[in-house]
Amino acid sequence: MRVRTHAEIEMLLPTEENWTQLTQMETVLKPFGEYTNVVSKDMPTIADSLAIYWGLDDLLSDMRAAQGDFH
């Protein structure tokens, strides 16, 4: 069933702005999932944990400052 052929639900289609927001959310959440898998497999060392922390901190800083993928 194609949404565009049913006017009563066409308003449910994501807008370009919605797609941009979803892409940005994926950019932020994907590393959290990846790092969760990394630390769940083995016992991470402090050095590993610190590198993960700083990587996530940089990502969130870029997001707050609207830099990189977030401009």
N, C-alpha and C. Protein backbone atom coordinates (compact mmCIF):
# COMPACT_ATOMS: atom_id res chain seq x y z
N MET A 1 0.85 -1.19 0.00
CA MET A 1 0.00 0.00 0.00
C MET A 1 0.89 1.24 0.00
N ARG A 2 0.64 2.12 -0.87
CA ARG A 2 1.40 3.35 -0.97
C ARG A 2 0.67 4.47 -0.23
N VAL A 3 1.41 5.16 0.62
CA VAL A 3 0.82 6.22 1.45
C VAL A 3 0.29 7.35 0.59
N ARG A 4 0.98 7.69 -0.46
CA ARG A 4 0.57 8.84 -1.28
C ARG A 4 -0.78 8.62 -1.96
N THR A 5 -1.22 7.40 -2.08
CA THR A 5 -2.51 7.14 -2.72
C THR A 5 -3.66 7.21 -1.71
N HIS A 6 -3.32 7.40 -0.45
CA HIS A 6 -4.33 7.48 0.60
C HIS A 6 -4.18 8.81 1.33
N ALA A 7 -4.89 9.80 0.86
CA ALA A 7 -4.75 11.17 1.37
C ALA A 7 -4.95 11.26 2.88
N GLU A 8 -5.77 10.40 3.43
CA GLU A 8 -6.08 10.48 4.87
C GLU A 8 -4.87 10.16 5.75
N ILE A 9 -3.85 9.49 5.20
CA ILE A 9 -2.65 9.21 6.00
C ILE A 9 -1.38 9.83 5.41
N GLU A 10 -1.51 10.58 4.34
CA GLU A 10 -0.34 11.18 3.71
C GLU A 10 0.39 12.12 4.66
N MET A 11 -0.34 12.72 5.59
CA MET A 11 0.28 13.65 6.56
C MET A 11 1.27 12.94 7.47
N LEU A 12 1.24 11.61 7.50
CA LEU A 12 2.17 10.85 8.34
C LEU A 12 3.55 10.71 7.72
N LEU A 13 3.69 11.08 6.45
CA LEU A 13 5.00 10.99 5.81
C LEU A 13 5.98 11.95 6.48
N PRO A 14 7.20 11.51 6.73
CA PRO A 14 8.19 12.40 7.31
C PRO A 14 8.57 13.52 6.34
N THR A 15 8.77 14.70 6.88
CA THR A 15 9.21 15.84 6.08
C THR A 15 10.73 15.76 5.91
N GLU A 16 11.28 16.62 5.07
CA GLU A 16 12.74 16.69 4.92
C GLU A 16 13.38 17.02 6.25
N GLU A 17 12.77 17.92 7.02
CA GLU A 17 13.30 18.29 8.33
C GLU A 17 13.28 17.08 9.27
N ASN A 18 12.20 16.29 9.21
CA ASN A 18 12.13 15.07 10.02
C ASN A 18 13.26 14.11 9.67
N TRP A 19 13.52 13.93 8.36
CA TRP A 19 14.59 13.04 7.94
C TRP A 19 15.95 13.54 8.42
N THR A 20 16.16 14.85 8.37
CA THR A 20 17.41 15.43 8.86
C THR A 20 17.57 15.16 10.35
N GLN A 21 16.50 15.36 11.10
CA GLN A 21 16.55 15.12 12.54
C GLN A 21 16.81 13.64 12.85
N LEU A 22 16.17 12.76 12.12
CA LEU A 22 16.37 11.33 12.33
C LEU A 22 17.80 10.90 12.00
N THR A 23 18.35 11.47 10.95
CA THR A 23 19.73 11.17 10.58
C THR A 23 20.69 11.65 11.67
N GLN A 24 20.44 12.83 12.21
CA GLN A 24 21.27 13.35 13.29
C GLN A 24 21.15 12.49 14.54
N MET A 25 19.95 12.04 14.84
CA MET A 25 19.76 11.16 16.00
C MET A 25 20.53 9.87 15.82
N GLU A 26 20.49 9.32 14.61
CA GLU A 26 21.23 8.09 14.34
C GLU A 26 22.73 8.33 14.52
N THR A 27 23.21 9.49 14.06
CA THR A 27 24.63 9.82 14.19
C THR A 27 25.05 9.86 15.65
N VAL A 28 24.17 10.34 16.52
CA VAL A 28 24.48 10.42 17.95
C VAL A 28 24.34 9.06 18.62
N LEU A 29 23.29 8.34 18.32
CA LEU A 29 23.00 7.09 19.04
C LEU A 29 23.84 5.90 18.58
N LYS A 30 24.25 5.89 17.33
CA LYS A 30 25.01 4.75 16.81
C LYS A 30 26.29 4.48 17.62
N PRO A 31 27.12 5.50 17.90
CA PRO A 31 28.32 5.22 18.70
C PRO A 31 28.00 4.68 20.10
N PHE A 32 26.91 5.13 20.70
CA PHE A 32 26.53 4.60 22.01
C PHE A 32 26.27 3.10 21.92
N GLY A 33 25.60 2.66 20.88
CA GLY A 33 25.35 1.24 20.68
C GLY A 33 26.63 0.47 20.42
N GLU A 34 27.48 1.03 19.58
CA GLU A 34 28.75 0.36 19.27
C GLU A 34 29.62 0.23 20.51
N TYR A 35 29.73 1.31 21.28
CA TYR A 35 30.56 1.28 22.49
C TYR A 35 29.96 0.36 23.54
N THR A 36 28.65 0.29 23.61
CA THR A 36 28.02 -0.64 24.54
C THR A 36 28.41 -2.07 24.19
N ASN A 37 28.41 -2.39 22.90
CA ASN A 37 28.82 -3.74 22.48
C ASN A 37 30.29 -4.00 22.81
N VAL A 38 31.13 -3.00 22.64
CA VAL A 38 32.56 -3.16 22.93
C VAL A 38 32.78 -3.48 24.40
N VAL A 39 32.18 -2.69 25.28
CA VAL A 39 32.42 -2.90 26.71
C VAL A 39 31.67 -4.11 27.26
N SER A 40 30.69 -4.60 26.52
CA SER A 40 29.95 -5.78 26.97
C SER A 40 30.68 -7.08 26.64
N LYS A 41 31.56 -7.06 25.66
CA LYS A 41 32.26 -8.28 25.25
C LYS A 41 33.36 -8.66 26.23
N ASP A 42 34.15 -7.70 26.62
CA ASP A 42 35.29 -7.94 27.51
C ASP A 42 35.23 -6.94 28.65
N MET A 43 36.09 -7.16 29.60
CA MET A 43 36.22 -6.17 30.67
C MET A 43 37.09 -5.04 30.14
N PRO A 44 36.51 -3.88 29.92
CA PRO A 44 37.33 -2.79 29.37
C PRO A 44 38.32 -2.27 30.42
N THR A 45 39.44 -1.81 29.93
CA THR A 45 40.42 -1.19 30.81
C THR A 45 40.02 0.26 31.02
N ILE A 46 40.64 0.90 31.98
CA ILE A 46 40.39 2.33 32.20
C ILE A 46 40.74 3.10 30.94
N ALA A 47 41.84 2.73 30.28
CA ALA A 47 42.26 3.43 29.06
C ALA A 47 41.20 3.29 27.97
N ASP A 48 40.64 2.10 27.81
CA ASP A 48 39.58 1.89 26.82
C ASP A 48 38.35 2.73 27.17
N SER A 49 37.98 2.69 28.43
CA SER A 49 36.80 3.43 28.87
C SER A 49 36.99 4.93 28.70
N LEU A 50 38.18 5.40 28.99
CA LEU A 50 38.45 6.83 28.86
C LEU A 50 38.39 7.27 27.39
N ALA A 51 38.94 6.46 26.50
CA ALA A 51 38.89 6.78 25.07
C ALA A 51 37.44 6.83 24.59
N ILE A 52 36.63 5.89 25.04
CA ILE A 52 35.20 5.88 24.68
C ILE A 52 34.52 7.13 25.23
N TYR A 53 34.79 7.45 26.47
CA TYR A 53 34.19 8.63 27.10
C TYR A 53 34.53 9.89 26.32
N TRP A 54 35.80 10.07 25.98
CA TRP A 54 36.21 11.29 25.27
C TRP A 54 35.62 11.32 23.87
N GLY A 55 35.52 10.18 23.22
CA GLY A 55 34.90 10.14 21.89
C GLY A 55 33.45 10.56 21.94
N LEU A 56 32.72 10.06 22.93
CA LEU A 56 31.32 10.45 23.08
C LEU A 56 31.19 11.91 23.49
N ASP A 57 32.09 12.37 24.33
CA ASP A 57 32.08 13.77 24.74
C ASP A 57 32.30 14.69 23.54
N ASP A 58 33.25 14.34 22.67
CA ASP A 58 33.48 15.14 21.46
C ASP A 58 32.25 15.15 20.56
N LEU A 59 31.62 14.00 20.41
CA LEU A 59 30.42 13.91 19.58
C LEU A 59 29.31 14.80 20.12
N LEU A 60 29.08 14.74 21.41
CA LEU A 60 28.02 15.55 22.03
C LEU A 60 28.37 17.04 21.99
N SER A 61 29.64 17.36 22.10
CA SER A 61 30.07 18.77 22.00
C SER A 61 29.80 19.30 20.60
N ASP A 62 30.11 18.50 19.58
CA ASP A 62 29.82 18.91 18.20
C ASP A 62 28.32 19.13 18.01
N MET A 63 27.53 18.24 18.60
CA MET A 63 26.09 18.37 18.47
C MET A 63 25.60 19.66 19.13
N ARG A 64 26.07 19.93 20.33
CA ARG A 64 25.64 21.15 21.03
C ARG A 64 26.07 22.41 20.28
N ALA A 65 27.26 22.36 19.67
CA ALA A 65 27.79 23.53 18.98
C ALA A 65 27.33 23.59 17.52
N ALA A 66 26.52 22.63 17.10
CA ALA A 66 26.03 22.56 15.72
C ALA A 66 27.19 22.54 14.74
N GLN A 67 28.16 21.65 14.96
CA GLN A 67 29.31 21.50 14.08
C GLN A 67 29.29 20.13 13.42
N GLY A 68 30.14 19.97 12.42
CA GLY A 68 30.25 18.68 11.75
C GLY A 68 28.94 18.27 11.11
N ASP A 69 28.47 17.07 11.44
CA ASP A 69 27.22 16.56 10.88
C ASP A 69 25.98 17.28 11.41
N PHE A 70 26.18 18.20 12.34
CA PHE A 70 25.03 18.82 13.02
C PHE A 70 24.81 20.28 12.65
N HIS A 71 25.40 20.73 11.55
CA HIS A 71 25.20 22.15 11.19
C HIS A 71 23.96 22.32 10.36
